[in-house]
Amino acid sequence: MITKYEVTKSLLFDGDEEEAVLKSFSLPARNIKFSDFANNNFEDLQKILTPGDFDTIIKTAGFTPGGFLNLYQGSDRLRLYYAKREDAIIVFAYGEFQPTRYKLYLEGVWIYNPGK
């Protein structure tokens, strides 16, 4: 069960992709490296969470599906990714904003307690 949501949308990175993959980001929930979320597509959360909890994340953050694959998008219409750390689910928007210019946004942090 999702018990808490923190609105923390913020731009974490704007620049060359080679720089982004080497960075570590200090977040209130945890320190996160690029590799902690790069292979975790947001849609895969449906396999981990109950349908109601997944819907709660979508609704509270205002994520919408888009593009020709109908994948969820966040800030600047970038693809969403997630990192799961203990009881926190941290969602990011990341992608190429302009040719060779990449952006990374922190979209939000949800506290997940599956036993409640």
Protein backbone atom coordinates (compact mmCIF):
# COMPACT_ATOMS: atom_id res chain seq x y z
CA MET A 1 0.00 0.00 0.00
CA ILE A 2 1.25 3.45 -0.91
CA THR A 3 1.22 5.40 2.34
CA LYS A 4 2.94 8.65 1.44
CA TYR A 5 3.78 10.72 -1.57
CA GLU A 6 6.27 13.55 -1.63
CA VAL A 7 6.04 16.08 -4.43
CA THR A 8 9.66 16.67 -5.22
CA LYS A 9 9.73 17.33 -8.96
CA SER A 10 13.07 18.84 -9.78
CA LEU A 11 15.64 18.90 -12.55
CA LEU A 12 18.64 16.85 -11.43
CA PHE A 13 20.71 16.90 -14.61
CA ASP A 14 20.85 18.72 -17.94
CA GLY A 15 23.76 17.96 -20.25
CA ASP A 16 25.72 15.27 -22.06
CA GLU A 17 24.69 11.64 -21.51
CA GLU A 18 28.27 10.56 -20.79
CA GLU A 19 28.25 12.81 -17.73
CA ALA A 20 24.84 11.58 -16.52
CA VAL A 21 25.76 7.90 -16.42
CA LEU A 22 28.72 8.61 -14.13
CA LYS A 23 26.89 10.84 -11.64
CA SER A 24 25.49 10.03 -8.24
CA PHE A 25 22.52 12.06 -7.03
CA SER A 26 21.87 13.00 -3.41
CA LEU A 27 18.15 12.73 -2.77
CA PRO A 28 16.19 13.03 0.44
CA ALA A 29 15.22 9.35 0.17
CA ARG A 30 18.69 7.98 -0.67
CA ASN A 31 21.79 8.50 -2.77
CA ILE A 32 21.06 7.16 -6.23
CA LYS A 33 23.37 6.32 -9.10
CA PHE A 34 22.26 6.33 -12.72
CA SER A 35 22.63 2.55 -12.85
CA ASP A 36 20.12 2.18 -9.97
CA PHE A 37 17.23 3.13 -12.24
CA ALA A 38 18.43 3.03 -15.87
CA ASN A 39 17.14 -0.50 -16.51
CA ASN A 40 13.90 -0.13 -14.54
CA ASN A 41 11.15 1.00 -16.88
CA PHE A 42 8.26 2.59 -15.03
CA GLU A 43 5.73 0.21 -16.60
CA ASP A 44 7.52 -2.71 -14.88
CA LEU A 45 6.23 -1.40 -11.53
CA GLN A 46 2.92 -3.02 -12.46
CA LYS A 47 4.59 -6.40 -11.80
CA ILE A 48 5.73 -5.35 -8.31
CA LEU A 49 2.80 -3.27 -7.04
CA THR A 50 -0.87 -4.00 -6.74
CA PRO A 51 -2.97 -2.42 -9.52
CA GLY A 52 -4.39 0.05 -6.99
CA ASP A 53 -0.94 1.20 -5.85
CA PHE A 54 0.27 1.60 -9.43
CA ASP A 55 -2.83 3.68 -10.19
CA THR A 56 -2.18 5.80 -7.09
CA ILE A 57 1.29 6.69 -8.37
CA ILE A 58 -0.08 7.58 -11.81
CA LYS A 59 -2.87 9.73 -10.39
CA THR A 60 -0.87 11.59 -7.74
CA ALA A 61 1.91 12.44 -10.17
CA GLY A 62 -0.30 13.09 -13.18
CA PHE A 63 1.63 10.73 -15.46
CA THR A 64 0.08 10.15 -18.87
CA PRO A 65 0.79 7.57 -21.55
CA GLY A 66 2.10 8.94 -24.82
CA GLY A 67 4.24 8.31 -27.87
CA PHE A 68 3.73 5.55 -30.36
CA LEU A 69 4.40 2.83 -27.73
CA ASN A 70 1.95 4.48 -25.32
CA LEU A 71 4.53 4.49 -22.48
CA TYR A 72 4.09 6.77 -19.46
CA GLN A 73 5.79 10.14 -19.63
CA GLY A 74 6.85 12.69 -17.04
CA SER A 75 8.44 16.15 -17.19
CA ASP A 76 9.28 17.38 -20.70
CA ARG A 77 7.47 14.27 -22.00
CA LEU A 78 10.47 12.11 -21.07
CA ARG A 79 10.20 8.38 -20.41
CA LEU A 80 9.80 7.28 -16.80
CA TYR A 81 12.07 5.00 -14.76
CA TYR A 82 12.11 3.95 -11.11
CA ALA A 83 14.42 2.86 -8.31
CA LYS A 84 13.17 0.86 -5.34
CA ARG A 85 15.05 1.35 -2.07
CA GLU A 86 13.72 -0.43 0.99
CA ASP A 87 10.25 1.13 1.39
CA ALA A 88 10.75 3.97 -1.12
CA ILE A 89 9.84 4.00 -4.80
CA ILE A 90 11.62 6.85 -6.54
CA VAL A 91 10.44 7.82 -10.02
CA PHE A 92 12.57 9.65 -12.58
CA ALA A 93 11.98 11.08 -16.05
CA TYR A 94 15.01 10.73 -18.29
CA GLY A 95 15.84 11.02 -21.95
CA GLU A 96 17.21 13.00 -24.82
CA PHE A 97 15.60 16.42 -24.78
CA GLN A 98 17.45 17.80 -27.80
CA PRO A 99 20.16 16.18 -29.91
CA THR A 100 23.00 15.24 -27.49
CA ARG A 101 21.25 17.05 -24.61
CA TYR A 102 19.81 14.78 -21.90
CA LYS A 103 17.65 15.69 -18.93
CA LEU A 104 16.96 13.84 -15.71
CA TYR A 105 14.08 14.83 -13.44
CA LEU A 106 13.13 13.55 -10.04
CA GLU A 107 9.37 13.08 -10.38
CA GLY A 108 8.52 11.94 -6.87
CA VAL A 109 9.04 9.57 -3.97
CA TRP A 110 6.35 7.17 -2.76
CA ILE A 111 6.54 5.16 0.44
CA TYR A 112 5.39 1.62 -0.16
CA ASN A 113 4.34 -0.73 2.64
CA PRO A 114 3.05 -3.94 1.01
CA GLY A 115 1.84 -5.40 4.30
CA LYS A 116 -0.61 -2.60 5.11
